[in-house]
Amino acid sequence: MPLISRACPVPHAPRPRILIADDHSVVCEGLRMVLRPAHTVVGMVHDGREVGRAVTELTPDLVLLDLSLPGLNGIEVARELQKAELPVKTLILTMHSDTIFAIEALAAGAAGFMLKQASGKELTQAIAAVLAGGTYVDPVIARKIDAGETEGSATHGGDLLLTTRQREVLRLLALGRSTGAIAKELDISTKAVEFHRSRIKRALGVSTTAAIVGVAISHGLAEL
């Protein structure tokens, strides 16, 4: 009896499981439509404080994190997930192209940093790279970093360590400038100013802008 050769079915690789964290419902729905053909969107959350619980309950392979989430921002969420040693990758997705955000995000444990103006194809490529164990940085950000356009050169002021950009924001805060005025003078977004102010508070160990100015003057960080 002749042997009959039958092809064995090749098992399909499991679809990557994605959790979307963004405070804009329209953005979440748009991302779900882009990801649907090749991924399984297991859930959507709108507050940074909800991400850890959602990761535990829904066991995604990757979290798409908006940088400007309420409650906890994307960088803080990435840091918390890393501390918890949860088996999940994080990819920051944001409209903010400041290099300091990308540097902070990767330092906090995020595996990737991508701009929202990227195409759907670029997003799926970034997800694939991160899930394969790599690190993905948006080409726009990567070019800035390669060109030396970073804001992460640390300088000492007294016994405190602040980035160059943080020192600039600190000086303007000490001069009484508003968030909008600082953003305009430094040619950055108001969100970037708010982010730098929160990092300054953490570095100085204070909780109010008034306290920032007081500590800054006492340490000689603000030349009035």
C-alpha atoms as a PDB file:
ATOM      1  CA  MET A   1       0.000   0.000   0.000  1.00  0.00           C
ATOM      2  CA  PRO A   2       1.549   3.323  -1.009  1.00  0.00           C
ATOM      3  CA  LEU A   3       2.246   5.748   1.754  1.00  0.00           C
ATOM      4  CA  ILE A   4       0.032   8.797   1.694  1.00  0.00           C
ATOM      5  CA  SER A   5       1.787  11.976   2.693  1.00  0.00           C
ATOM      6  CA  ARG A   6      -0.346  14.421   4.613  1.00  0.00           C
ATOM      7  CA  ALA A   7       0.808  17.911   5.537  1.00  0.00           C
ATOM      8  CA  CYS A   8       0.636  18.530   9.244  1.00  0.00           C
ATOM      9  CA  PRO A   9      -1.220  21.726  10.123  1.00  0.00           C
ATOM     10  CA  VAL A  10       1.099  24.465  11.324  1.00  0.00           C
ATOM     11  CA  PRO A  11      -0.186  25.933  14.592  1.00  0.00           C
ATOM     12  CA  HIS A  12      -0.856  29.651  14.457  1.00  0.00           C
ATOM     13  CA  ALA A  13       1.191  31.841  16.721  1.00  0.00           C
ATOM     14  CA  PRO A  14      -0.978  33.385  19.438  1.00  0.00           C
ATOM     15  CA  ARG A  15      -2.108  36.929  18.706  1.00  0.00           C
ATOM     16  CA  PRO A  16      -0.326  39.502  20.875  1.00  0.00           C
ATOM     17  CA  ARG A  17      -2.556  40.722  23.696  1.00  0.00           C
ATOM     18  CA  ILE A  18      -2.605  44.513  24.001  1.00  0.00           C
ATOM     19  CA  LEU A  19      -3.910  46.802  26.752  1.00  0.00           C
ATOM     20  CA  ILE A  20      -4.513  50.420  25.688  1.00  0.00           C
ATOM     21  CA  ALA A  21      -4.092  53.178  28.294  1.00  0.00           C
ATOM     22  CA  ASP A  22      -5.182  56.602  27.057  1.00  0.00           C
ATOM     23  CA  ASP A  23      -7.545  59.154  28.552  1.00  0.00           C
ATOM     24  CA  HIS A  24      -9.181  59.941  25.188  1.00  0.00           C
ATOM     25  CA  SER A  25     -11.850  57.413  24.190  1.00  0.00           C
ATOM     26  CA  VAL A  26     -11.621  58.362  20.509  1.00  0.00           C
ATOM     27  CA  VAL A  27      -7.880  57.619  20.532  1.00  0.00           C
ATOM     28  CA  CYS A  28      -8.507  54.263  22.223  1.00  0.00           C
ATOM     29  CA  GLU A  29     -11.099  53.299  19.625  1.00  0.00           C
ATOM     30  CA  GLY A  30      -8.813  54.374  16.797  1.00  0.00           C
ATOM     31  CA  LEU A  31      -5.939  52.318  18.170  1.00  0.00           C
ATOM     32  CA  ARG A  32      -8.208  49.309  18.582  1.00  0.00           C
ATOM     33  CA  MET A  33      -9.232  49.542  14.918  1.00  0.00           C
ATOM     34  CA  VAL A  34      -5.582  49.746  13.830  1.00  0.00           C
ATOM     35  CA  LEU A  35      -4.549  46.792  16.004  1.00  0.00           C
ATOM     36  CA  ARG A  36      -7.554  44.540  15.422  1.00  0.00           C
ATOM     37  CA  PRO A  37      -6.289  42.684  12.295  1.00  0.00           C
ATOM     38  CA  ALA A  38      -3.223  41.189  13.997  1.00  0.00           C
ATOM     39  CA  HIS A  39      -3.673  41.757  17.734  1.00  0.00           C
ATOM     40  CA  THR A  40      -6.171  41.145  20.504  1.00  0.00           C
ATOM     41  CA  VAL A  41      -7.061  44.276  22.445  1.00  0.00           C
ATOM     42  CA  VAL A  42      -7.877  42.909  25.898  1.00  0.00           C
ATOM     43  CA  GLY A  43      -8.985  46.206  27.421  1.00  0.00           C
ATOM     44  CA  MET A  44      -8.802  49.992  27.556  1.00  0.00           C
ATOM     45  CA  VAL A  45      -8.180  52.155  30.633  1.00  0.00           C
ATOM     46  CA  HIS A  46      -8.267  55.933  30.980  1.00  0.00           C
ATOM     47  CA  ASP A  47      -6.355  56.582  34.219  1.00  0.00           C
ATOM     48  CA  GLY A  48      -2.787  55.682  35.085  1.00  0.00           C
ATOM     49  CA  ARG A  49      -3.856  54.333  38.470  1.00  0.00           C
ATOM     50  CA  GLU A  50      -5.963  51.677  36.738  1.00  0.00           C
ATOM     51  CA  VAL A  51      -3.165  50.169  34.651  1.00  0.00           C
ATOM     52  CA  GLY A  52      -1.561  47.932  37.278  1.00  0.00           C
ATOM     53  CA  ARG A  53      -4.871  46.309  38.208  1.00  0.00           C
ATOM     54  CA  ALA A  54      -5.807  45.872  34.539  1.00  0.00           C
ATOM     55  CA  VAL A  55      -2.456  44.230  33.778  1.00  0.00           C
ATOM     56  CA  THR A  56      -2.937  41.773  36.649  1.00  0.00           C
ATOM     57  CA  GLU A  57      -6.506  40.911  35.635  1.00  0.00           C
ATOM     58  CA  LEU A  58      -6.180  40.890  31.835  1.00  0.00           C
ATOM     59  CA  THR A  59      -2.569  39.619  31.456  1.00  0.00           C
ATOM     60  CA  PRO A  60      -1.639  41.550  28.306  1.00  0.00           C
ATOM     61  CA  ASP A  61       1.670  41.032  26.541  1.00  0.00           C
ATOM     62  CA  LEU A  62       2.084  44.756  26.025  1.00  0.00           C
ATOM     63  CA  VAL A  63       0.616  48.026  27.323  1.00  0.00           C
ATOM     64  CA  LEU A  64       0.308  51.011  24.995  1.00  0.00           C
ATOM     65  CA  LEU A  65       0.758  53.931  27.412  1.00  0.00           C
ATOM     66  CA  ASP A  66      -0.149  57.536  26.784  1.00  0.00           C
ATOM     67  CA  LEU A  67       2.456  59.820  28.347  1.00  0.00           C
ATOM     68  CA  SER A  68      -0.115  62.269  29.755  1.00  0.00           C
ATOM     69  CA  LEU A  69      -2.428  59.912  31.626  1.00  0.00           C
ATOM     70  CA  PRO A  70      -4.251  61.385  34.634  1.00  0.00           C
ATOM     71  CA  GLY A  71      -3.533  59.896  38.041  1.00  0.00           C
ATOM     72  CA  LEU A  72      -0.122  58.527  37.080  1.00  0.00           C
ATOM     73  CA  ASN A  73       1.593  59.562  33.866  1.00  0.00           C
ATOM     74  CA  GLY A  74       2.961  56.987  31.448  1.00  0.00           C
ATOM     75  CA  ILE A  75       6.502  57.170  32.796  1.00  0.00           C
ATOM     76  CA  GLU A  76       5.301  56.661  36.361  1.00  0.00           C
ATOM     77  CA  VAL A  77       3.171  53.707  35.240  1.00  0.00           C
ATOM     78  CA  ALA A  78       6.126  52.129  33.424  1.00  0.00           C
ATOM     79  CA  ARG A  79       8.210  52.517  36.568  1.00  0.00           C
ATOM     80  CA  GLU A  80       5.521  50.927  38.755  1.00  0.00           C
ATOM     81  CA  LEU A  81       5.112  47.978  36.379  1.00  0.00           C
ATOM     82  CA  GLN A  82       8.861  47.419  36.387  1.00  0.00           C
ATOM     83  CA  LYS A  83       8.979  47.504  40.183  1.00  0.00           C
ATOM     84  CA  ALA A  84       6.144  44.971  40.347  1.00  0.00           C
ATOM     85  CA  GLU A  85       8.105  42.691  37.984  1.00  0.00           C
ATOM     86  CA  LEU A  86       4.973  41.953  35.966  1.00  0.00           C
ATOM     87  CA  PRO A  87       5.599  39.988  32.733  1.00  0.00           C
ATOM     88  CA  VAL A  88       4.441  42.759  30.403  1.00  0.00           C
ATOM     89  CA  LYS A  89       6.155  45.118  27.963  1.00  0.00           C
ATOM     90  CA  THR A  90       5.367  48.833  27.858  1.00  0.00           C
ATOM     91  CA  LEU A  91       5.386  51.115  24.840  1.00  0.00           C
ATOM     92  CA  ILE A  92       4.866  54.843  25.362  1.00  0.00           C
ATOM     93  CA  LEU A  93       2.692  56.453  22.681  1.00  0.00           C
ATOM     94  CA  THR A  94       2.618  60.252  22.818  1.00  0.00           C
ATOM     95  CA  MET A  95       2.429  63.483  20.854  1.00  0.00           C
ATOM     96  CA  HIS A  96       5.347  64.989  22.838  1.00  0.00           C
ATOM     97  CA  SER A  97       8.633  64.853  20.927  1.00  0.00           C
ATOM     98  CA  ASP A  98      10.911  66.213  23.679  1.00  0.00           C
ATOM     99  CA  THR A  99      13.900  63.881  23.925  1.00  0.00           C
ATOM    100  CA  ILE A 100      13.906  64.065  27.726  1.00  0.00           C
ATOM    101  CA  PHE A 101      10.574  62.230  27.774  1.00  0.00           C
ATOM    102  CA  ALA A 102      12.025  59.349  25.742  1.00  0.00           C
ATOM    103  CA  ILE A 103      15.128  59.189  27.935  1.00  0.00           C
ATOM    104  CA  GLU A 104      13.042  59.229  31.129  1.00  0.00           C
ATOM    105  CA  ALA A 105      10.636  56.610  29.750  1.00  0.00           C
ATOM    106  CA  LEU A 106      13.368  54.140  28.813  1.00  0.00           C
ATOM    107  CA  ALA A 107      15.099  54.706  32.144  1.00  0.00           C
ATOM    108  CA  ALA A 108      11.788  53.953  33.888  1.00  0.00           C
ATOM    109  CA  GLY A 109      11.529  50.565  32.179  1.00  0.00           C
ATOM    110  CA  ALA A 110       9.527  51.272  29.023  1.00  0.00           C
ATOM    111  CA  ALA A 111      10.649  49.169  26.073  1.00  0.00           C
ATOM    112  CA  GLY A 112       9.664  51.737  23.476  1.00  0.00           C
ATOM    113  CA  PHE A 113       8.773  55.360  22.827  1.00  0.00           C
ATOM    114  CA  MET A 114       6.662  56.336  19.826  1.00  0.00           C
ATOM    115  CA  LEU A 115       4.956  59.472  18.548  1.00  0.00           C
ATOM    116  CA  LYS A 116       1.220  59.451  17.843  1.00  0.00           C
ATOM    117  CA  GLN A 117       1.722  60.945  14.398  1.00  0.00           C
ATOM    118  CA  ALA A 118       3.322  57.682  13.257  1.00  0.00           C
ATOM    119  CA  SER A 119       1.438  55.434  10.855  1.00  0.00           C
ATOM    120  CA  GLY A 120      -0.445  52.286  11.797  1.00  0.00           C
ATOM    121  CA  LYS A 121       2.220  50.231  10.005  1.00  0.00           C
ATOM    122  CA  GLU A 122       4.955  51.846  12.112  1.00  0.00           C
ATOM    123  CA  LEU A 123       2.966  51.108  15.261  1.00  0.00           C
ATOM    124  CA  THR A 124       2.637  47.405  14.457  1.00  0.00           C
ATOM    125  CA  GLN A 125       6.357  47.262  13.634  1.00  0.00           C
ATOM    126  CA  ALA A 126       7.184  48.912  16.953  1.00  0.00           C
ATOM    127  CA  ILE A 127       4.986  46.465  18.849  1.00  0.00           C
ATOM    128  CA  ALA A 128       6.617  43.517  17.072  1.00  0.00           C
ATOM    129  CA  ALA A 129      10.101  44.831  17.901  1.00  0.00           C
ATOM    130  CA  VAL A 130       9.267  45.332  21.575  1.00  0.00           C
ATOM    131  CA  LEU A 131       7.572  41.933  21.935  1.00  0.00           C
ATOM    132  CA  ALA A 132      10.621  40.319  20.329  1.00  0.00           C
ATOM    133  CA  GLY A 133      12.706  41.662  23.195  1.00  0.00           C
ATOM    134  CA  GLY A 134      14.042  44.768  21.495  1.00  0.00           C
ATOM    135  CA  THR A 135      13.832  48.473  22.207  1.00  0.00           C
ATOM    136  CA  TYR A 136      12.038  50.837  19.849  1.00  0.00           C
ATOM    137  CA  VAL A 137      12.548  54.601  19.668  1.00  0.00           C
ATOM    138  CA  ASP A 138      10.588  56.665  17.167  1.00  0.00           C
ATOM    139  CA  PRO A 139      12.891  57.686  14.274  1.00  0.00           C
ATOM    140  CA  VAL A 140      12.089  61.379  14.865  1.00  0.00           C
ATOM    141  CA  ILE A 141      13.312  61.089  18.468  1.00  0.00           C
ATOM    142  CA  ALA A 142      16.255  58.876  17.516  1.00  0.00           C
ATOM    143  CA  ARG A 143      17.496  61.465  15.011  1.00  0.00           C
ATOM    144  CA  LYS A 144      17.333  64.202  17.669  1.00  0.00           C
ATOM    145  CA  ILE A 145      19.308  62.078  20.109  1.00  0.00           C
ATOM    146  CA  ASP A 146      21.878  61.132  17.450  1.00  0.00           C
ATOM    147  CA  ALA A 147      22.269  64.835  16.615  1.00  0.00           C
ATOM    148  CA  GLY A 148      22.941  65.611  20.274  1.00  0.00           C
ATOM    149  CA  GLU A 149      19.640  67.435  20.761  1.00  0.00           C
ATOM    150  CA  THR A 150      19.096  65.983  24.225  1.00  0.00           C
ATOM    151  CA  GLU A 151      18.046  67.656  27.434  1.00  0.00           C
ATOM    152  CA  GLY A 152      19.605  65.082  29.699  1.00  0.00           C
ATOM    153  CA  SER A 153      23.043  66.540  30.406  1.00  0.00           C
ATOM    154  CA  ALA A 154      23.058  66.618  34.204  1.00  0.00           C
ATOM    155  CA  THR A 155      24.701  69.458  36.099  1.00  0.00           C
ATOM    156  CA  HIS A 156      25.282  69.833  39.816  1.00  0.00           C
ATOM    157  CA  GLY A 157      23.831  72.733  41.739  1.00  0.00           C
ATOM    158  CA  GLY A 158      24.848  72.489  45.393  1.00  0.00           C
ATOM    159  CA  ASP A 159      24.216  68.856  46.278  1.00  0.00           C
ATOM    160  CA  LEU A 160      21.262  68.545  43.868  1.00  0.00           C
ATOM    161  CA  LEU A 161      21.276  67.041  40.389  1.00  0.00           C
ATOM    162  CA  LEU A 162      19.043  68.567  37.711  1.00  0.00           C
ATOM    163  CA  THR A 163      19.091  68.371  33.930  1.00  0.00           C
ATOM    164  CA  THR A 164      19.922  71.452  31.907  1.00  0.00           C
ATOM    165  CA  ARG A 165      16.264  71.863  30.904  1.00  0.00           C
ATOM    166  CA  GLN A 166      15.103  71.476  34.499  1.00  0.00           C
ATOM    167  CA  ARG A 167      17.500  74.248  35.555  1.00  0.00           C
ATOM    168  CA  GLU A 168      16.046  76.505  32.857  1.00  0.00           C
ATOM    169  CA  VAL A 169      12.493  75.793  34.006  1.00  0.00           C
ATOM    170  CA  LEU A 170      13.544  76.280  37.629  1.00  0.00           C
ATOM    171  CA  ARG A 171      15.111  79.675  36.896  1.00  0.00           C
ATOM    172  CA  LEU A 172      11.942  80.887  35.163  1.00  0.00           C
ATOM    173  CA  LEU A 173       9.731  79.568  37.964  1.00  0.00           C
ATOM    174  CA  ALA A 174      11.870  81.492  40.421  1.00  0.00           C
ATOM    175  CA  LEU A 175      11.286  84.606  38.328  1.00  0.00           C
ATOM    176  CA  GLY A 176       7.539  84.104  38.667  1.00  0.00           C
ATOM    177  CA  ARG A 177       6.857  83.009  35.110  1.00  0.00           C
ATOM    178  CA  SER A 178       3.617  81.122  34.413  1.00  0.00           C
ATOM    179  CA  THR A 179       3.530  77.708  32.762  1.00  0.00           C
ATOM    180  CA  GLY A 180       2.439  79.254  29.471  1.00  0.00           C
ATOM    181  CA  ALA A 181       5.163  81.898  29.598  1.00  0.00           C
ATOM    182  CA  ILE A 182       7.839  79.290  30.323  1.00  0.00           C
ATOM    183  CA  ALA A 183       6.601  77.113  27.460  1.00  0.00           C
ATOM    184  CA  LYS A 184       6.747  80.071  25.079  1.00  0.00           C
ATOM    185  CA  GLU A 185      10.193  81.239  26.199  1.00  0.00           C
ATOM    186  CA  LEU A 186      11.750  77.760  25.998  1.00  0.00           C
ATOM    187  CA  ASP A 187       9.761  76.791  22.881  1.00  0.00           C
ATOM    188  CA  ILE A 188       8.345  73.642  24.472  1.00  0.00           C
ATOM    189  CA  SER A 189       4.804  72.482  25.229  1.00  0.00           C
ATOM    190  CA  THR A 190       2.960  73.337  28.441  1.00  0.00           C
ATOM    191  CA  LYS A 191       2.807  69.580  29.128  1.00  0.00           C
ATOM    192  CA  ALA A 192       6.594  69.504  28.950  1.00  0.00           C
ATOM    193  CA  VAL A 193       6.816  72.365  31.462  1.00  0.00           C
ATOM    194  CA  GLU A 194       4.455  70.537  33.826  1.00  0.00           C
ATOM    195  CA  PHE A 195       6.509  67.359  33.464  1.00  0.00           C
ATOM    196  CA  HIS A 196       9.787  69.164  34.238  1.00  0.00           C
ATOM    197  CA  ARG A 197       8.182  70.905  37.229  1.00  0.00           C
ATOM    198  CA  SER A 198       7.080  67.540  38.655  1.00  0.00           C
ATOM    199  CA  ARG A 199      10.598  66.155  38.183  1.00  0.00           C
ATOM    200  CA  ILE A 200      12.073  69.233  39.888  1.00  0.00           C
ATOM    201  CA  LYS A 201       9.721  68.760  42.854  1.00  0.00           C
ATOM    202  CA  ARG A 202      10.852  65.163  43.170  1.00  0.00           C
ATOM    203  CA  ALA A 203      14.540  66.151  42.960  1.00  0.00           C
ATOM    204  CA  LEU A 204      14.133  68.890  45.553  1.00  0.00           C
ATOM    205  CA  GLY A 205      11.858  66.864  47.812  1.00  0.00           C
ATOM    206  CA  VAL A 206       9.091  69.466  47.862  1.00  0.00           C
ATOM    207  CA  SER A 207       5.425  69.529  46.868  1.00  0.00           C
ATOM    208  CA  THR A 208       4.618  73.131  45.894  1.00  0.00           C
ATOM    209  CA  THR A 209       5.956  75.648  43.394  1.00  0.00           C
ATOM    210  CA  ALA A 210       6.577  78.128  46.224  1.00  0.00           C
ATOM    211  CA  ALA A 211       8.723  75.542  47.984  1.00  0.00           C
ATOM    212  CA  ILE A 212      10.601  74.898  44.726  1.00  0.00           C
ATOM    213  CA  VAL A 213      11.588  78.559  44.550  1.00  0.00           C
ATOM    214  CA  GLY A 214      12.605  78.670  48.209  1.00  0.00           C
ATOM    215  CA  VAL A 215      14.815  75.583  48.013  1.00  0.00           C
ATOM    216  CA  ALA A 216      16.229  76.721  44.682  1.00  0.00           C
ATOM    217  CA  ILE A 217      17.325  80.089  46.085  1.00  0.00           C
ATOM    218  CA  SER A 218      18.799  78.491  49.201  1.00  0.00           C
ATOM    219  CA  HIS A 219      20.875  76.173  47.012  1.00  0.00           C
ATOM    220  CA  GLY A 220      21.935  78.925  44.649  1.00  0.00           C
ATOM    221  CA  LEU A 221      20.105  77.350  41.724  1.00  0.00           C
ATOM    222  CA  ALA A 222      18.092  80.422  40.806  1.00  0.00           C
ATOM    223  CA  GLU A 223      20.013  83.516  39.786  1.00  0.00           C
ATOM    224  CA  LEU A 224      17.446  86.248  40.348  1.00  0.00           C
END
